[in-house]
């Protein structure tokens, strides 16, 4: 699955990420909301939901958006989308951990780990693997 830089939803999400980098958090959230509002297919909805999760005021709302992003991703019939599963499960696991629901945290960290072999061998992949391993360590102490 290729991110098309000409896609309006992808453009809005990229602008939102740039706003985040500049510290313009309210603007980033607005751009991600616009992306969600105009999403017309599962890939666009998955992408914008993933970014919407980043800007929720509480963990329960973040979890809702993270779970929505995962449920949409699971419907997409393109094998390459599976490379996003580890990150999605990691985000969900961390929400459950923060909510002190260690049973669901463990389940989702294990799901993230089960897909970790799909991660690229680069900085992003190493970051996600590290997050998974650290999460598992925290909840198994």
Protein backbone atom coordinates (compact mmCIF):
# COMPACT_ATOMS: atom_id res chain seq x y z
CA UNK A 1 0.00 0.00 0.00
CA UNK A 2 1.54 3.24 -1.13
CA UNK A 3 0.90 6.62 0.43
CA UNK A 4 -0.09 8.84 -2.49
CA UNK A 5 1.25 12.34 -1.73
CA UNK A 6 -1.41 13.76 -4.05
CA UNK A 7 -4.25 12.28 -2.01
CA UNK A 8 -6.09 15.09 -0.14
CA UNK A 9 -6.30 13.05 3.10
CA UNK A 10 -2.59 12.21 2.97
CA UNK A 11 -1.81 15.88 2.26
CA UNK A 12 -3.80 17.00 5.29
CA UNK A 13 -2.10 14.41 7.51
CA UNK A 14 1.33 15.48 6.24
CA UNK A 15 0.43 19.12 6.94
CA UNK A 16 -0.72 18.05 10.40
CA UNK A 17 2.59 16.34 11.06
CA UNK A 18 4.44 19.47 9.95
CA UNK A 19 2.26 21.54 12.30
CA UNK A 20 3.12 19.14 15.13
CA UNK A 21 6.82 19.56 14.38
CA UNK A 22 6.41 23.33 14.64
CA UNK A 23 4.56 22.97 17.95
CA UNK A 24 1.25 24.05 16.42
CA UNK A 25 -0.76 21.33 18.12
CA UNK A 26 -4.24 22.88 17.76
CA UNK A 27 -3.66 23.36 14.04
CA UNK A 28 -2.40 19.77 13.70
CA UNK A 29 -5.52 18.43 15.41
CA UNK A 30 -7.71 20.53 13.12
CA UNK A 31 -5.92 19.20 10.02
CA UNK A 32 -6.27 15.59 11.20
CA UNK A 33 -9.97 16.19 11.90
CA UNK A 34 -10.39 17.58 8.37
CA UNK A 35 -8.64 14.48 7.02
CA UNK A 36 -11.02 12.24 8.97
CA UNK A 37 -14.05 14.23 7.81
CA UNK A 38 -13.20 13.84 4.11
CA UNK A 39 -11.96 10.24 4.25
CA UNK A 40 -13.83 8.20 1.69
CA UNK A 41 -12.23 4.75 1.81
CA UNK A 42 -10.76 2.42 4.41
CA UNK A 43 -7.15 3.39 3.75
CA UNK A 44 -7.94 7.09 4.22
CA UNK A 45 -10.03 6.36 7.31
CA UNK A 46 -7.30 4.17 8.82
CA UNK A 47 -4.68 6.85 8.20
CA UNK A 48 -6.68 9.76 9.58
CA UNK A 49 -7.95 7.76 12.60
CA UNK A 50 -4.35 6.87 13.45
CA UNK A 51 -3.46 10.56 13.53
CA UNK A 52 -6.64 11.57 15.35
CA UNK A 53 -5.65 9.23 18.18
CA UNK A 54 -2.52 11.28 18.80
CA UNK A 55 -4.50 14.37 19.79
CA UNK A 56 -7.09 13.12 22.23
CA UNK A 57 -7.40 14.74 25.64
CA UNK A 58 -7.70 11.48 27.57
CA UNK A 59 -6.53 7.89 27.30
CA UNK A 60 -10.04 6.46 26.81
CA UNK A 61 -10.60 8.65 23.74
CA UNK A 62 -7.13 7.85 22.41
CA UNK A 63 -7.89 4.15 22.83
CA UNK A 64 -11.17 4.58 20.93
CA UNK A 65 -9.36 6.14 17.95
CA UNK A 66 -6.49 3.63 18.08
CA UNK A 67 -8.95 0.72 18.12
CA UNK A 68 -10.88 2.29 15.26
CA UNK A 69 -7.68 2.66 13.21
CA UNK A 70 -6.84 -1.01 13.84
CA UNK A 71 -10.33 -2.28 13.04
CA UNK A 72 -10.30 -0.37 9.75
CA UNK A 73 -6.77 -1.57 8.92
CA UNK A 74 -7.85 -5.17 9.51
CA UNK A 75 -10.52 -4.77 6.80
CA UNK A 76 -8.08 -3.54 4.16
CA UNK A 77 -7.32 -6.29 1.65
CA UNK A 78 -3.73 -5.35 0.93
CA UNK A 79 -0.93 -7.36 2.51
CA UNK A 80 1.31 -4.32 2.88
CA UNK A 81 -1.07 -2.80 5.45
CA UNK A 82 0.09 -5.53 7.83
CA UNK A 83 3.36 -3.62 8.38
CA UNK A 84 1.29 -1.11 10.40
CA UNK A 85 -0.18 -3.75 12.73
CA UNK A 86 2.72 -3.75 15.22
CA UNK A 87 2.46 0.00 15.73
CA UNK A 88 -1.32 -0.09 16.00
CA UNK A 89 -1.29 -2.91 18.56
CA UNK A 90 1.52 -1.15 20.45
CA UNK A 91 -0.53 2.04 20.71
CA UNK A 92 -3.55 0.11 21.95
CA UNK A 93 -1.45 -1.85 24.45
CA UNK A 94 0.03 1.35 25.87
CA UNK A 95 -3.45 2.83 26.30
CA UNK A 96 -4.58 -0.24 28.22
CA UNK A 97 -1.40 -0.11 30.30
CA UNK A 98 -2.06 3.55 31.12
CA UNK A 99 -5.62 2.61 32.07
CA UNK A 100 -4.14 -0.13 34.35
CA UNK A 101 -5.91 -2.88 32.40
CA UNK A 102 -2.88 -5.16 32.33
CA UNK A 103 -4.71 -8.15 30.86
CA UNK A 104 -5.67 -6.22 27.71
CA UNK A 105 -2.29 -4.48 27.67
CA UNK A 106 -0.50 -7.84 27.67
CA UNK A 107 -2.78 -9.25 24.97
CA UNK A 108 -2.11 -6.28 22.68
CA UNK A 109 1.64 -6.18 23.36
CA UNK A 110 1.71 -9.87 22.40
CA UNK A 111 -0.26 -9.12 19.23
CA UNK A 112 2.21 -6.34 18.39
CA UNK A 113 5.09 -8.74 18.97
CA UNK A 114 3.47 -11.38 16.74
CA UNK A 115 3.61 -8.93 13.81
CA UNK A 116 7.02 -7.39 14.63
CA UNK A 117 8.68 -9.54 11.97
CA UNK A 118 6.85 -7.40 9.38
CA UNK A 119 8.58 -4.21 10.51
CA UNK A 120 11.33 -2.77 8.34
CA UNK A 121 14.91 -2.99 9.59
CA UNK A 122 15.31 0.76 9.97
CA UNK A 123 14.94 3.43 12.64
CA UNK A 124 11.14 3.20 12.60
CA UNK A 125 11.15 -0.58 12.92
CA UNK A 126 13.69 -0.45 15.74
CA UNK A 127 11.63 2.17 17.57
CA UNK A 128 8.45 0.08 17.38
CA UNK A 129 10.26 -3.13 18.41
CA UNK A 130 11.81 -1.29 21.35
CA UNK A 131 8.40 0.04 22.41
CA UNK A 132 6.91 -3.44 22.27
CA UNK A 133 9.75 -5.00 24.26
CA UNK A 134 9.76 -2.24 26.89
CA UNK A 135 5.99 -2.51 27.25
CA UNK A 136 6.18 -6.26 27.77
CA UNK A 137 8.97 -5.76 30.33
CA UNK A 138 6.91 -3.17 32.25
CA UNK A 139 3.81 -5.30 32.52
CA UNK A 140 5.59 -8.55 33.39
CA UNK A 141 7.53 -7.17 36.36
